[in-house]
Amino acid sequence: MPEILEIIMILCFGASWPFNVAKSYRARTARGKSLLFLILIEVGYIAGIAAKLANPAYMAAFGEKWYVLFFYVLNFAMVGTDVILYFRNRRLDKLAEA
């Protein structure tokens, strides 16, 4: 049961990030975005990935449960994309001010 709840949690987060990335891309501004928030989320995903890799029971069953780690990595990549867009949008903000 705990694994099912973890999968639900990671899928819900994963379903949210593409919308956030698309909004950042279309907005073309960093206003209202928090880099600290994004970095904290990235650190959280790194901790989750590390926890999976350090868990002997998970690693012993990795062949059957690889998909959980896959979604952690996918979510990490989506947040990373949003971080990149943050810097792009911040540059666009500075260009617009000039």
C-alpha atoms as a PDB file:
ATOM      1  CA  MET A   1       0.000   0.000   0.000  1.00  0.00           C
ATOM      2  CA  PRO A   2       2.752   2.586   0.761  1.00  0.00           C
ATOM      3  CA  GLU A   3       4.197   2.061  -2.733  1.00  0.00           C
ATOM      4  CA  ILE A   4       0.801   2.686  -4.343  1.00  0.00           C
ATOM      5  CA  LEU A   5       0.419   5.916  -2.378  1.00  0.00           C
ATOM      6  CA  GLU A   6       3.915   6.992  -3.386  1.00  0.00           C
ATOM      7  CA  ILE A   7       3.118   6.293  -7.029  1.00  0.00           C
ATOM      8  CA  ILE A   8      -0.088   8.353  -6.770  1.00  0.00           C
ATOM      9  CA  MET A   9       1.863  11.224  -5.221  1.00  0.00           C
ATOM     10  CA  ILE A  10       4.580  11.197  -7.862  1.00  0.00           C
ATOM     11  CA  LEU A  11       2.039  10.893 -10.699  1.00  0.00           C
ATOM     12  CA  CYS A  12       0.057  13.863  -9.384  1.00  0.00           C
ATOM     13  CA  PHE A  13       3.205  15.954  -9.174  1.00  0.00           C
ATOM     14  CA  GLY A  14       4.256  14.701 -12.590  1.00  0.00           C
ATOM     15  CA  ALA A  15       0.918  15.640 -14.132  1.00  0.00           C
ATOM     16  CA  SER A  16       1.254  19.189 -12.767  1.00  0.00           C
ATOM     17  CA  TRP A  17       4.741  20.045 -14.006  1.00  0.00           C
ATOM     18  CA  PRO A  18       4.041  19.992 -17.762  1.00  0.00           C
ATOM     19  CA  PHE A  19       1.315  22.625 -17.222  1.00  0.00           C
ATOM     20  CA  ASN A  20       3.729  24.738 -15.200  1.00  0.00           C
ATOM     21  CA  VAL A  21       6.471  24.441 -17.826  1.00  0.00           C
ATOM     22  CA  ALA A  22       4.042  25.359 -20.630  1.00  0.00           C
ATOM     23  CA  LYS A  23       2.860  28.389 -18.652  1.00  0.00           C
ATOM     24  CA  SER A  24       6.459  29.521 -18.075  1.00  0.00           C
ATOM     25  CA  TYR A  25       7.233  29.118 -21.765  1.00  0.00           C
ATOM     26  CA  ARG A  26       4.184  31.105 -22.897  1.00  0.00           C
ATOM     27  CA  ALA A  27       4.452  33.808 -20.213  1.00  0.00           C
ATOM     28  CA  ARG A  28       7.946  34.877 -21.285  1.00  0.00           C
ATOM     29  CA  THR A  29       8.471  36.501 -17.887  1.00  0.00           C
ATOM     30  CA  ALA A  30      10.040  35.401 -14.621  1.00  0.00           C
ATOM     31  CA  ARG A  31       7.714  37.630 -12.607  1.00  0.00           C
ATOM     32  CA  GLY A  32       5.859  35.600 -10.031  1.00  0.00           C
ATOM     33  CA  LYS A  33       8.334  32.706 -10.215  1.00  0.00           C
ATOM     34  CA  SER A  34      10.530  31.713  -7.307  1.00  0.00           C
ATOM     35  CA  LEU A  35      13.915  30.263  -8.174  1.00  0.00           C
ATOM     36  CA  LEU A  36      14.352  29.187  -4.553  1.00  0.00           C
ATOM     37  CA  PHE A  37      11.095  27.210  -4.746  1.00  0.00           C
ATOM     38  CA  LEU A  38      12.209  25.443  -7.930  1.00  0.00           C
ATOM     39  CA  ILE A  39      15.631  24.630  -6.450  1.00  0.00           C
ATOM     40  CA  LEU A  40      14.027  23.239  -3.281  1.00  0.00           C
ATOM     41  CA  ILE A  41      11.791  21.000  -5.402  1.00  0.00           C
ATOM     42  CA  GLU A  42      14.850  19.803  -7.348  1.00  0.00           C
ATOM     43  CA  VAL A  43      16.675  19.029  -4.088  1.00  0.00           C
ATOM     44  CA  GLY A  44      13.611  17.111  -2.924  1.00  0.00           C
ATOM     45  CA  TYR A  45      13.585  15.010  -6.081  1.00  0.00           C
ATOM     46  CA  ILE A  46      17.325  14.365  -5.723  1.00  0.00           C
ATOM     47  CA  ALA A  47      16.685  13.185  -2.153  1.00  0.00           C
ATOM     48  CA  GLY A  48      13.849  10.941  -3.356  1.00  0.00           C
ATOM     49  CA  ILE A  49      16.034   9.436  -6.081  1.00  0.00           C
ATOM     50  CA  ALA A  50      18.903   8.933  -3.632  1.00  0.00           C
ATOM     51  CA  ALA A  51      16.533   7.310  -1.135  1.00  0.00           C
ATOM     52  CA  LYS A  52      15.406   4.824  -3.768  1.00  0.00           C
ATOM     53  CA  LEU A  53      18.971   4.021  -4.815  1.00  0.00           C
ATOM     54  CA  ALA A  54      20.074   3.625  -1.181  1.00  0.00           C
ATOM     55  CA  ASN A  55      17.175   1.322  -0.288  1.00  0.00           C
ATOM     56  CA  PRO A  56      18.368  -2.303  -0.546  1.00  0.00           C
ATOM     57  CA  ALA A  57      14.813  -3.658  -0.707  1.00  0.00           C
ATOM     58  CA  TYR A  58      13.956  -1.350  -3.607  1.00  0.00           C
ATOM     59  CA  MET A  59      17.166  -2.141  -5.458  1.00  0.00           C
ATOM     60  CA  ALA A  60      16.619  -5.883  -4.968  1.00  0.00           C
ATOM     61  CA  ALA A  61      13.252  -5.527  -6.710  1.00  0.00           C
ATOM     62  CA  PHE A  62      14.411  -2.886  -9.203  1.00  0.00           C
ATOM     63  CA  GLY A  63      13.459  -5.050 -12.184  1.00  0.00           C
ATOM     64  CA  GLU A  64       9.852  -4.976 -11.005  1.00  0.00           C
ATOM     65  CA  LYS A  65       9.747  -1.423  -9.631  1.00  0.00           C
ATOM     66  CA  TRP A  66      11.958   0.599 -12.005  1.00  0.00           C
ATOM     67  CA  TYR A  67       8.992   2.770 -13.021  1.00  0.00           C
ATOM     68  CA  VAL A  68       8.897   4.537  -9.630  1.00  0.00           C
ATOM     69  CA  LEU A  69      12.440   5.810 -10.095  1.00  0.00           C
ATOM     70  CA  PHE A  70      11.624   6.675 -13.721  1.00  0.00           C
ATOM     71  CA  PHE A  71       8.888   9.080 -12.597  1.00  0.00           C
ATOM     72  CA  TYR A  72      11.167  10.713 -10.030  1.00  0.00           C
ATOM     73  CA  VAL A  73      13.737  11.323 -12.772  1.00  0.00           C
ATOM     74  CA  LEU A  74      11.066  12.532 -15.216  1.00  0.00           C
ATOM     75  CA  ASN A  75       9.703  15.017 -12.668  1.00  0.00           C
ATOM     76  CA  PHE A  76      13.243  16.163 -11.874  1.00  0.00           C
ATOM     77  CA  ALA A  77      13.800  16.824 -15.589  1.00  0.00           C
ATOM     78  CA  MET A  78      10.551  18.791 -15.890  1.00  0.00           C
ATOM     79  CA  VAL A  79      11.446  21.018 -12.947  1.00  0.00           C
ATOM     80  CA  GLY A  80      14.907  21.429 -14.469  1.00  0.00           C
ATOM     81  CA  THR A  81      13.241  22.604 -17.667  1.00  0.00           C
ATOM     82  CA  ASP A  82      11.293  25.149 -15.646  1.00  0.00           C
ATOM     83  CA  VAL A  83      14.558  26.352 -14.062  1.00  0.00           C
ATOM     84  CA  ILE A  84      16.036  26.862 -17.529  1.00  0.00           C
ATOM     85  CA  LEU A  85      12.902  28.750 -18.591  1.00  0.00           C
ATOM     86  CA  TYR A  86      13.196  30.895 -15.460  1.00  0.00           C
ATOM     87  CA  PHE A  87      16.617  32.109 -16.581  1.00  0.00           C
ATOM     88  CA  ARG A  88      15.418  32.603 -20.163  1.00  0.00           C
ATOM     89  CA  ASN A  89      12.438  34.591 -18.933  1.00  0.00           C
ATOM     90  CA  ARG A  90      14.572  36.643 -16.560  1.00  0.00           C
ATOM     91  CA  ARG A  91      16.797  37.564 -19.518  1.00  0.00           C
ATOM     92  CA  LEU A  92      13.686  38.515 -21.516  1.00  0.00           C
ATOM     93  CA  ASP A  93      12.507  40.669 -18.602  1.00  0.00           C
ATOM     94  CA  LYS A  94      15.825  42.525 -18.567  1.00  0.00           C
ATOM     95  CA  LEU A  95      15.663  43.051 -22.336  1.00  0.00           C
ATOM     96  CA  ALA A  96      12.119  44.402 -22.035  1.00  0.00           C
ATOM     97  CA  GLU A  97      13.206  46.851 -19.315  1.00  0.00           C
ATOM     98  CA  ALA A  98      16.091  48.163 -21.426  1.00  0.00           C
END
